[in-house]
Amino acid sequence: MKDLKAKTAIVTGAASGIGSGIAQTLAEAGMNVALLDIQERALDDLRRQIETRGGKAIAVTADVSDAQAVAAAARRAEEAFGRIHVAVNNAGVAMHGTPLEEIALGDWDWVIGVNIFGVIHGIRTFVPMIRKHGEGGHVVNTASIGGLQMRPGWNTGAYSMTKYAVVALSEALEQELAGSGIGVSVLCPASVRTAIYDSAKNRPARLGGPFRREQQHFLKDTIADGLTPLQVGERVLRAIRDDEFFVFTHSEPRQLIEARHRRIMEAFDRIAEIEREERTC
């Protein structure tokens, strides 16, 4: 999708981190931007920042784990700017540092609600809105490099499970939208300087309210030298314009992903050998 000027994007998780970087980059590219997030004050600060630079934006407080809230936010965006062409399902929370068997059920509800259902609600709401005007568009779903491999020792099982799901949802969506003029990208960032380690402070009251997950604050040091959110925003902008599916931020994780795929291929080799042995019996 090359021509973005004066078209409208809707970005979830826009108040901070990668979402903020994507929203600012799309605004700089001339798009109207509907900013969605649960963090009302930070969201309004970003809106003013974009407007100060000459861009157009609205701020809509919404919890992406709530389907009705997402639908209402989309209507606000359409009322403000008209047709939506780009949807960025970016909102996400961390769930690092705790073994699977020790994660409370409420925390499972929260991480699945935001990281998986947030994307599902975005697809169900935004894709029909893009389809109906027939002008084409693009959907970006934020997964993680953790959606393609498991980092040993980090206890990221719950988080990575949700991001594997986002990759699968994105692959399915790309297949379903083939020929429609609507492109799909899945963003799989590695180290980015955000406050994702402190995302528990934004847990909504209906899922238990804000808290502090000390187990995942080790992330603060591991991402301190990462890319800035604006650098990731530029990478996403390029992917939208060039219709790229997988969007990476770093080349270093390639070895981890190749190791995982080798393990899969070795398993296929084993079953192929078993099948050959069975045929000769």
C-alpha atoms as a PDB file:
ATOM      1  CA  MET A   1       0.000   0.000   0.000  1.00  0.00           C
ATOM      2  CA  LYS A   2       2.031   2.917  -1.287  1.00  0.00           C
ATOM      3  CA  ASP A   3      -0.305   5.905  -0.951  1.00  0.00           C
ATOM      4  CA  LEU A   4      -0.971   6.621   2.718  1.00  0.00           C
ATOM      5  CA  LYS A   5      -1.452  10.389   2.734  1.00  0.00           C
ATOM      6  CA  ALA A   6      -4.813  11.536   4.145  1.00  0.00           C
ATOM      7  CA  LYS A   7      -5.879   7.935   4.767  1.00  0.00           C
ATOM      8  CA  THR A   8      -6.717   6.690   8.261  1.00  0.00           C
ATOM      9  CA  ALA A   9      -4.927   4.224  10.528  1.00  0.00           C
ATOM     10  CA  ILE A  10      -6.154   2.792  13.795  1.00  0.00           C
ATOM     11  CA  VAL A  11      -3.463   1.680  16.260  1.00  0.00           C
ATOM     12  CA  THR A  12      -4.100  -0.255  19.458  1.00  0.00           C
ATOM     13  CA  GLY A  13      -1.687  -0.068  22.364  1.00  0.00           C
ATOM     14  CA  ALA A  14      -0.756   3.344  20.995  1.00  0.00           C
ATOM     15  CA  ALA A  15      -0.038   5.208  24.239  1.00  0.00           C
ATOM     16  CA  SER A  16       3.486   3.908  24.702  1.00  0.00           C
ATOM     17  CA  GLY A  17       6.231   1.699  23.334  1.00  0.00           C
ATOM     18  CA  ILE A  18       5.995   0.181  19.876  1.00  0.00           C
ATOM     19  CA  GLY A  19       2.410   1.347  19.396  1.00  0.00           C
ATOM     20  CA  SER A  20       3.420   4.941  20.013  1.00  0.00           C
ATOM     21  CA  GLY A  21       6.336   4.601  17.586  1.00  0.00           C
ATOM     22  CA  ILE A  22       4.086   3.171  14.864  1.00  0.00           C
ATOM     23  CA  ALA A  23       1.396   5.808  15.430  1.00  0.00           C
ATOM     24  CA  GLN A  24       3.895   8.673  15.229  1.00  0.00           C
ATOM     25  CA  THR A  25       5.502   7.256  12.104  1.00  0.00           C
ATOM     26  CA  LEU A  26       2.162   6.831  10.329  1.00  0.00           C
ATOM     27  CA  ALA A  27       1.176  10.373  11.297  1.00  0.00           C
ATOM     28  CA  GLU A  28       4.475  11.672   9.884  1.00  0.00           C
ATOM     29  CA  ALA A  29       3.652   9.802   6.677  1.00  0.00           C
ATOM     30  CA  GLY A  30       0.482  11.890   6.409  1.00  0.00           C
ATOM     31  CA  MET A  31      -2.089   9.504   7.842  1.00  0.00           C
ATOM     32  CA  ASN A  32      -4.887  10.403  10.211  1.00  0.00           C
ATOM     33  CA  VAL A  33      -4.375   8.234  13.285  1.00  0.00           C
ATOM     34  CA  ALA A  34      -6.918   6.887  15.751  1.00  0.00           C
ATOM     35  CA  LEU A  35      -5.023   6.081  18.946  1.00  0.00           C
ATOM     36  CA  LEU A  36      -6.448   3.316  21.138  1.00  0.00           C
ATOM     37  CA  ASP A  37      -5.144   2.355  24.565  1.00  0.00           C
ATOM     38  CA  ILE A  38      -6.166   1.760  28.144  1.00  0.00           C
ATOM     39  CA  GLN A  39      -3.759   4.495  29.371  1.00  0.00           C
ATOM     40  CA  GLU A  40      -5.899   7.618  29.025  1.00  0.00           C
ATOM     41  CA  ARG A  41      -3.403  10.305  30.089  1.00  0.00           C
ATOM     42  CA  ALA A  42      -0.498   8.979  28.024  1.00  0.00           C
ATOM     43  CA  LEU A  43      -2.824   8.547  25.062  1.00  0.00           C
ATOM     44  CA  ASP A  44      -3.956  12.161  25.219  1.00  0.00           C
ATOM     45  CA  ASP A  45      -0.343  13.336  25.532  1.00  0.00           C
ATOM     46  CA  LEU A  46       0.508  11.480  22.313  1.00  0.00           C
ATOM     47  CA  ARG A  47      -2.493  12.966  20.544  1.00  0.00           C
ATOM     48  CA  ARG A  48      -1.347  16.470  21.431  1.00  0.00           C
ATOM     49  CA  GLN A  49       2.207  15.659  20.361  1.00  0.00           C
ATOM     50  CA  ILE A  50       1.033  14.488  16.940  1.00  0.00           C
ATOM     51  CA  GLU A  51      -1.205  17.520  16.511  1.00  0.00           C
ATOM     52  CA  THR A  52       1.614  19.874  17.521  1.00  0.00           C
ATOM     53  CA  ARG A  53       3.635  18.452  14.630  1.00  0.00           C
ATOM     54  CA  GLY A  54       0.807  19.123  12.201  1.00  0.00           C
ATOM     55  CA  GLY A  55      -0.752  15.671  12.215  1.00  0.00           C
ATOM     56  CA  LYS A  56      -4.329  14.609  12.818  1.00  0.00           C
ATOM     57  CA  ALA A  57      -5.190  12.210  15.623  1.00  0.00           C
ATOM     58  CA  ILE A  58      -7.921  11.251  18.050  1.00  0.00           C
ATOM     59  CA  ALA A  59      -7.455   9.464  21.356  1.00  0.00           C
ATOM     60  CA  VAL A  60      -9.920   6.751  22.338  1.00  0.00           C
ATOM     61  CA  THR A  61      -9.568   4.978  25.668  1.00  0.00           C
ATOM     62  CA  ALA A  62     -10.343   1.307  25.131  1.00  0.00           C
ATOM     63  CA  ASP A  63      -9.490  -2.101  26.564  1.00  0.00           C
ATOM     64  CA  VAL A  64      -8.783  -4.377  23.579  1.00  0.00           C
ATOM     65  CA  SER A  65      -9.789  -7.467  25.562  1.00  0.00           C
ATOM     66  CA  ASP A  66     -13.351  -6.063  25.487  1.00  0.00           C
ATOM     67  CA  ALA A  67     -14.940  -6.657  22.056  1.00  0.00           C
ATOM     68  CA  GLN A  68     -17.607  -3.979  22.540  1.00  0.00           C
ATOM     69  CA  ALA A  69     -14.998  -1.393  23.514  1.00  0.00           C
ATOM     70  CA  VAL A  70     -13.008  -2.116  20.355  1.00  0.00           C
ATOM     71  CA  ALA A  71     -16.127  -1.841  18.194  1.00  0.00           C
ATOM     72  CA  ALA A  72     -17.085   1.465  19.825  1.00  0.00           C
ATOM     73  CA  ALA A  73     -13.554   2.823  19.330  1.00  0.00           C
ATOM     74  CA  ALA A  74     -13.656   1.874  15.642  1.00  0.00           C
ATOM     75  CA  ARG A  75     -16.932   3.761  15.214  1.00  0.00           C
ATOM     76  CA  ARG A  76     -15.326   6.821  16.831  1.00  0.00           C
ATOM     77  CA  ALA A  77     -12.446   6.602  14.372  1.00  0.00           C
ATOM     78  CA  GLU A  78     -14.761   6.310  11.392  1.00  0.00           C
ATOM     79  CA  GLU A  79     -16.878   9.217  12.597  1.00  0.00           C
ATOM     80  CA  ALA A  80     -13.790  11.386  13.015  1.00  0.00           C
ATOM     81  CA  PHE A  81     -11.886  10.541   9.831  1.00  0.00           C
ATOM     82  CA  GLY A  82     -14.049   8.433   7.536  1.00  0.00           C
ATOM     83  CA  ARG A  83     -12.770   5.279   5.882  1.00  0.00           C
ATOM     84  CA  ILE A  84     -10.147   3.216   7.698  1.00  0.00           C
ATOM     85  CA  HIS A  85      -7.336   1.802   5.561  1.00  0.00           C
ATOM     86  CA  VAL A  86      -4.688   0.577   8.025  1.00  0.00           C
ATOM     87  CA  ALA A  87      -5.301  -1.374  11.227  1.00  0.00           C
ATOM     88  CA  VAL A  88      -2.474  -2.079  13.654  1.00  0.00           C
ATOM     89  CA  ASN A  89      -3.405  -4.648  16.302  1.00  0.00           C
ATOM     90  CA  ASN A  90      -0.477  -3.923  18.572  1.00  0.00           C
ATOM     91  CA  ALA A  91      -1.652  -3.900  22.194  1.00  0.00           C
ATOM     92  CA  GLY A  92       0.102  -6.506  24.304  1.00  0.00           C
ATOM     93  CA  VAL A  93       1.273  -7.359  27.811  1.00  0.00           C
ATOM     94  CA  ALA A  94       4.192  -9.359  29.173  1.00  0.00           C
ATOM     95  CA  MET A  95       4.012 -12.582  31.145  1.00  0.00           C
ATOM     96  CA  HIS A  96       7.669 -13.491  31.708  1.00  0.00           C
ATOM     97  CA  GLY A  97       9.600 -15.080  34.522  1.00  0.00           C
ATOM     98  CA  THR A  98       7.033 -17.528  35.895  1.00  0.00           C
ATOM     99  CA  PRO A  99       6.845 -21.279  35.151  1.00  0.00           C
ATOM    100  CA  LEU A 100       3.605 -22.327  33.449  1.00  0.00           C
ATOM    101  CA  GLU A 101       2.340 -24.369  36.395  1.00  0.00           C
ATOM    102  CA  GLU A 102       2.660 -21.361  38.727  1.00  0.00           C
ATOM    103  CA  ILE A 103       0.774 -18.806  36.648  1.00  0.00           C
ATOM    104  CA  ALA A 104      -2.526 -17.853  38.264  1.00  0.00           C
ATOM    105  CA  LEU A 105      -5.704 -18.399  36.252  1.00  0.00           C
ATOM    106  CA  GLY A 106      -6.436 -14.686  36.418  1.00  0.00           C
ATOM    107  CA  ASP A 107      -3.094 -13.950  34.775  1.00  0.00           C
ATOM    108  CA  TRP A 108      -3.877 -16.455  32.019  1.00  0.00           C
ATOM    109  CA  ASP A 109      -7.182 -14.649  31.427  1.00  0.00           C
ATOM    110  CA  TRP A 110      -5.363 -11.319  31.220  1.00  0.00           C
ATOM    111  CA  VAL A 111      -2.526 -12.280  28.868  1.00  0.00           C
ATOM    112  CA  ILE A 112      -4.846 -14.246  26.575  1.00  0.00           C
ATOM    113  CA  GLY A 113      -7.468 -11.483  26.713  1.00  0.00           C
ATOM    114  CA  VAL A 114      -5.074  -8.764  25.584  1.00  0.00           C
ATOM    115  CA  ASN A 115      -2.553 -10.602  23.422  1.00  0.00           C
ATOM    116  CA  ILE A 116      -4.883 -12.993  21.593  1.00  0.00           C
ATOM    117  CA  PHE A 117      -8.412 -11.699  21.934  1.00  0.00           C
ATOM    118  CA  GLY A 118      -7.175  -8.153  21.396  1.00  0.00           C
ATOM    119  CA  VAL A 119      -6.006  -9.219  17.929  1.00  0.00           C
ATOM    120  CA  ILE A 120      -9.151 -11.276  17.309  1.00  0.00           C
ATOM    121  CA  HIS A 121     -11.364  -8.327  18.220  1.00  0.00           C
ATOM    122  CA  GLY A 122      -9.319  -6.103  15.930  1.00  0.00           C
ATOM    123  CA  ILE A 123      -9.631  -8.517  13.016  1.00  0.00           C
ATOM    124  CA  ARG A 124     -13.382  -8.958  13.543  1.00  0.00           C
ATOM    125  CA  THR A 125     -13.928  -5.194  13.805  1.00  0.00           C
ATOM    126  CA  PHE A 126     -11.403  -3.522  11.509  1.00  0.00           C
ATOM    127  CA  VAL A 127     -11.158  -5.925   8.574  1.00  0.00           C
ATOM    128  CA  PRO A 128     -14.841  -5.609   7.588  1.00  0.00           C
ATOM    129  CA  MET A 129     -14.481  -1.813   7.782  1.00  0.00           C
ATOM    130  CA  ILE A 130     -11.541  -1.934   5.375  1.00  0.00           C
ATOM    131  CA  ARG A 131     -13.305  -4.399   3.082  1.00  0.00           C
ATOM    132  CA  LYS A 132     -16.476  -2.358   2.738  1.00  0.00           C
ATOM    133  CA  HIS A 133     -14.913   0.668   1.023  1.00  0.00           C
ATOM    134  CA  GLY A 134     -13.127  -1.501  -1.549  1.00  0.00           C
ATOM    135  CA  GLU A 135     -10.050   0.721  -1.729  1.00  0.00           C
ATOM    136  CA  GLY A 136      -7.665  -1.808  -0.201  1.00  0.00           C
ATOM    137  CA  GLY A 137      -5.658  -1.447   2.963  1.00  0.00           C
ATOM    138  CA  HIS A 138      -3.312  -3.208   5.320  1.00  0.00           C
ATOM    139  CA  VAL A 139      -3.451  -5.039   8.664  1.00  0.00           C
ATOM    140  CA  VAL A 140      -0.446  -5.256  10.986  1.00  0.00           C
ATOM    141  CA  ASN A 141      -0.541  -7.669  13.925  1.00  0.00           C
ATOM    142  CA  THR A 142       2.182  -7.375  16.546  1.00  0.00           C
ATOM    143  CA  ALA A 143       3.552 -10.740  17.629  1.00  0.00           C
ATOM    144  CA  SER A 144       7.130 -11.081  18.889  1.00  0.00           C
ATOM    145  CA  ILE A 145      10.322 -12.891  18.049  1.00  0.00           C
ATOM    146  CA  GLY A 146       9.060 -14.978  20.965  1.00  0.00           C
ATOM    147  CA  GLY A 147       6.224 -16.055  18.669  1.00  0.00           C
ATOM    148  CA  LEU A 148       8.724 -18.071  16.625  1.00  0.00           C
ATOM    149  CA  GLN A 149      10.974 -19.576  19.304  1.00  0.00           C
ATOM    150  CA  MET A 150      11.319 -20.049  23.052  1.00  0.00           C
ATOM    151  CA  ARG A 151      14.184 -18.329  24.854  1.00  0.00           C
ATOM    152  CA  PRO A 152      15.660 -20.839  27.369  1.00  0.00           C
ATOM    153  CA  GLY A 153      15.690 -19.664  30.969  1.00  0.00           C
ATOM    154  CA  TRP A 154      13.279 -16.776  30.550  1.00  0.00           C
ATOM    155  CA  ASN A 155      10.065 -18.653  31.426  1.00  0.00           C
ATOM    156  CA  THR A 156       8.128 -17.015  28.604  1.00  0.00           C
ATOM    157  CA  GLY A 157       5.730 -19.897  27.959  1.00  0.00           C
ATOM    158  CA  ALA A 158       2.494 -17.975  28.528  1.00  0.00           C
ATOM    159  CA  TYR A 159       3.656 -14.904  26.623  1.00  0.00           C
ATOM    160  CA  SER A 160       5.152 -16.864  23.739  1.00  0.00           C
ATOM    161  CA  MET A 161       2.044 -19.024  23.464  1.00  0.00           C
ATOM    162  CA  THR A 162      -0.001 -15.897  22.796  1.00  0.00           C
ATOM    163  CA  LYS A 163       2.507 -14.621  20.257  1.00  0.00           C
ATOM    164  CA  TYR A 164       2.635 -17.966  18.431  1.00  0.00           C
ATOM    165  CA  ALA A 165      -1.144 -17.550  18.171  1.00  0.00           C
ATOM    166  CA  VAL A 166      -0.751 -14.076  16.653  1.00  0.00           C
ATOM    167  CA  VAL A 167       1.607 -15.486  13.996  1.00  0.00           C
ATOM    168  CA  ALA A 168      -0.937 -18.208  13.159  1.00  0.00           C
ATOM    169  CA  LEU A 169      -3.817 -15.715  13.054  1.00  0.00           C
ATOM    170  CA  SER A 170      -1.781 -13.514  10.730  1.00  0.00           C
ATOM    171  CA  GLU A 171      -0.878 -16.375   8.395  1.00  0.00           C
ATOM    172  CA  ALA A 172      -4.536 -17.382   8.211  1.00  0.00           C
ATOM    173  CA  LEU A 173      -5.653 -13.799   7.630  1.00  0.00           C
ATOM    174  CA  GLU A 174      -3.138 -13.365   4.802  1.00  0.00           C
ATOM    175  CA  GLN A 175      -4.543 -16.462   3.098  1.00  0.00           C
ATOM    176  CA  GLU A 176      -8.137 -15.349   3.561  1.00  0.00           C
ATOM    177  CA  LEU A 177      -7.486 -11.831   2.245  1.00  0.00           C
ATOM    178  CA  ALA A 178      -5.518 -12.945  -0.809  1.00  0.00           C
ATOM    179  CA  GLY A 179      -6.745 -11.033  -3.847  1.00  0.00           C
ATOM    180  CA  SER A 180      -8.760  -8.555  -1.785  1.00  0.00           C
ATOM    181  CA  GLY A 181      -6.268  -5.696  -1.974  1.00  0.00           C
ATOM    182  CA  ILE A 182      -5.770  -5.874   1.796  1.00  0.00           C
ATOM    183  CA  GLY A 183      -2.232  -6.759   2.840  1.00  0.00           C
ATOM    184  CA  VAL A 184      -1.189  -8.402   6.093  1.00  0.00           C
ATOM    185  CA  SER A 185       2.010  -8.095   8.110  1.00  0.00           C
ATOM    186  CA  VAL A 186       3.060  -9.751  11.347  1.00  0.00           C
ATOM    187  CA  LEU A 187       5.568  -7.765  13.365  1.00  0.00           C
ATOM    188  CA  CYS A 188       8.015  -9.954  15.306  1.00  0.00           C
ATOM    189  CA  PRO A 189      10.220  -7.538  17.259  1.00  0.00           C
ATOM    190  CA  ALA A 190      13.179  -8.563  19.359  1.00  0.00           C
ATOM    191  CA  SER A 191      14.806  -6.051  21.724  1.00  0.00           C
ATOM    192  CA  VAL A 192      12.979  -2.712  21.772  1.00  0.00           C
ATOM    193  CA  ARG A 193      13.261  -0.024  24.441  1.00  0.00           C
ATOM    194  CA  THR A 194       9.782  -0.065  25.949  1.00  0.00           C
ATOM    195  CA  ALA A 195       8.203  -0.470  29.380  1.00  0.00           C
ATOM    196  CA  ILE A 196       6.622  -3.832  28.565  1.00  0.00           C
ATOM    197  CA  TYR A 197       8.224  -5.221  31.730  1.00  0.00           C
ATOM    198  CA  ASP A 198       5.860  -2.959  33.696  1.00  0.00           C
ATOM    199  CA  SER A 199       2.689  -3.714  31.727  1.00  0.00           C
ATOM    200  CA  ALA A 200       0.996  -5.212  34.795  1.00  0.00           C
ATOM    201  CA  LYS A 201       0.346  -1.696  36.061  1.00  0.00           C
ATOM    202  CA  ASN A 202      -2.311  -1.399  33.350  1.00  0.00           C
ATOM    203  CA  ARG A 203      -4.292  -4.548  34.125  1.00  0.00           C
ATOM    204  CA  PRO A 204      -7.975  -3.520  34.215  1.00  0.00           C
ATOM    205  CA  ALA A 205     -10.032  -3.842  37.371  1.00  0.00           C
ATOM    206  CA  ARG A 206     -12.279  -6.549  35.898  1.00  0.00           C
ATOM    207  CA  LEU A 207      -9.203  -8.782  35.506  1.00  0.00           C
ATOM    208  CA  GLY A 208      -7.758  -8.054  38.942  1.00  0.00           C
ATOM    209  CA  GLY A 209      -6.518  -4.475  38.707  1.00  0.00           C
ATOM    210  CA  PRO A 210      -2.999  -3.013  38.509  1.00  0.00           C
ATOM    211  CA  PHE A 211      -0.118  -4.851  40.129  1.00  0.00           C
ATOM    212  CA  ARG A 212       3.641  -5.295  39.852  1.00  0.00           C
ATOM    213  CA  ARG A 213       5.211  -8.474  38.436  1.00  0.00           C
ATOM    214  CA  GLU A 214       8.729  -8.445  39.844  1.00  0.00           C
ATOM    215  CA  GLN A 215       9.497 -11.716  38.004  1.00  0.00           C
ATOM    216  CA  GLN A 216       9.678  -9.931  34.664  1.00  0.00           C
ATOM    217  CA  HIS A 217      11.580  -6.793  35.601  1.00  0.00           C
ATOM    218  CA  PHE A 218      14.780  -8.449  34.375  1.00  0.00           C
ATOM    219  CA  LEU A 219      13.504  -7.406  30.933  1.00  0.00           C
ATOM    220  CA  LYS A 220      14.323  -3.790  31.732  1.00  0.00           C
ATOM    221  CA  ASP A 221      18.045  -4.514  31.495  1.00  0.00           C
ATOM    222  CA  THR A 222      17.810  -6.918  28.548  1.00  0.00           C
ATOM    223  CA  ILE A 223      16.055  -4.356  26.316  1.00  0.00           C
ATOM    224  CA  ALA A 224      17.949  -1.273  27.478  1.00  0.00           C
ATOM    225  CA  ASP A 225      20.134  -1.282  24.354  1.00  0.00           C
ATOM    226  CA  GLY A 226      17.333  -2.209  21.957  1.00  0.00           C
ATOM    227  CA  LEU A 227      15.834  -0.247  19.110  1.00  0.00           C
ATOM    228  CA  THR A 228      13.676   2.776  19.792  1.00  0.00           C
ATOM    229  CA  PRO A 229       9.941   2.496  19.125  1.00  0.00           C
ATOM    230  CA  LEU A 230      10.317   5.059  16.330  1.00  0.00           C
ATOM    231  CA  GLN A 231      12.853   2.823  14.596  1.00  0.00           C
ATOM    232  CA  VAL A 232      10.339  -0.009  14.749  1.00  0.00           C
ATOM    233  CA  GLY A 233       7.671   2.358  13.428  1.00  0.00           C
ATOM    234  CA  GLU A 234       9.830   3.058  10.367  1.00  0.00           C
ATOM    235  CA  ARG A 235      10.254  -0.678   9.820  1.00  0.00           C
ATOM    236  CA  VAL A 236       6.478  -1.164   9.953  1.00  0.00           C
ATOM    237  CA  LEU A 237       5.873   1.735   7.570  1.00  0.00           C
ATOM    238  CA  ARG A 238       8.226   0.134   5.054  1.00  0.00           C
ATOM    239  CA  ALA A 239       6.448  -3.213   5.442  1.00  0.00           C
ATOM    240  CA  ILE A 240       3.054  -1.622   4.762  1.00  0.00           C
ATOM    241  CA  ARG A 241       4.348   0.116   1.657  1.00  0.00           C
ATOM    242  CA  ASP A 242       6.204  -2.951   0.369  1.00  0.00           C
ATOM    243  CA  ASP A 243       3.538  -5.489   1.430  1.00  0.00           C
ATOM    244  CA  GLU A 244       5.912  -7.581   3.546  1.00  0.00           C
ATOM    245  CA  PHE A 245       4.465 -10.360   5.677  1.00  0.00           C
ATOM    246  CA  PHE A 246       7.128 -11.149   8.284  1.00  0.00           C
ATOM    247  CA  VAL A 247       8.539  -7.956   9.795  1.00  0.00           C
ATOM    248  CA  PHE A 248      11.691  -8.381  11.866  1.00  0.00           C
ATOM    249  CA  THR A 249      13.714  -5.834  13.798  1.00  0.00           C
ATOM    250  CA  HIS A 250      16.959  -7.783  14.271  1.00  0.00           C
ATOM    251  CA  SER A 251      18.879 -10.498  12.430  1.00  0.00           C
ATOM    252  CA  GLU A 252      20.488 -12.032  15.549  1.00  0.00           C
ATOM    253  CA  PRO A 253      17.558 -14.338  16.504  1.00  0.00           C
ATOM    254  CA  ARG A 254      17.860 -16.161  13.189  1.00  0.00           C
ATOM    255  CA  GLN A 255      20.103 -18.839  14.730  1.00  0.00           C
ATOM    256  CA  LEU A 256      17.546 -19.625  17.456  1.00  0.00           C
ATOM    257  CA  ILE A 257      14.768 -19.973  14.893  1.00  0.00           C
ATOM    258  CA  GLU A 258      16.912 -22.087  12.590  1.00  0.00           C
ATOM    259  CA  ALA A 259      17.728 -24.393  15.535  1.00  0.00           C
ATOM    260  CA  ARG A 260      14.012 -24.850  16.220  1.00  0.00           C
ATOM    261  CA  HIS A 261      13.316 -25.612  12.574  1.00  0.00           C
ATOM    262  CA  ARG A 262      16.201 -28.107  12.440  1.00  0.00           C
ATOM    263  CA  ARG A 263      14.585 -29.954  15.328  1.00  0.00           C
ATOM    264  CA  ILE A 264      11.318 -30.086  13.381  1.00  0.00           C
ATOM    265  CA  MET A 265      13.066 -31.297  10.215  1.00  0.00           C
ATOM    266  CA  GLU A 266      14.900 -33.971  12.205  1.00  0.00           C
ATOM    267  CA  ALA A 267      11.551 -35.237  13.470  1.00  0.00           C
ATOM    268  CA  PHE A 268      10.298 -35.471   9.872  1.00  0.00           C
ATOM    269  CA  ASP A 269      13.474 -37.340   8.938  1.00  0.00           C
ATOM    270  CA  ARG A 270      12.809 -39.827  11.747  1.00  0.00           C
ATOM    271  CA  ILE A 271       9.234 -40.509  10.697  1.00  0.00           C
ATOM    272  CA  ALA A 272      10.339 -40.851   7.064  1.00  0.00           C
ATOM    273  CA  GLU A 273      12.845 -43.511   8.137  1.00  0.00           C
ATOM    274  CA  ILE A 274      10.199 -45.332  10.158  1.00  0.00           C
ATOM    275  CA  GLU A 275       7.887 -45.303   7.132  1.00  0.00           C
ATOM    276  CA  ARG A 276      10.655 -46.744   4.919  1.00  0.00           C
ATOM    277  CA  GLU A 277      11.314 -49.511   7.449  1.00  0.00           C
ATOM    278  CA  GLU A 278       7.615 -50.344   7.625  1.00  0.00           C
ATOM    279  CA  ARG A 279       7.361 -50.594   3.838  1.00  0.00           C
ATOM    280  CA  THR A 280      10.233 -53.091   3.699  1.00  0.00           C
ATOM    281  CA  CYS A 281       8.757 -55.375   6.357  1.00  0.00           C
END
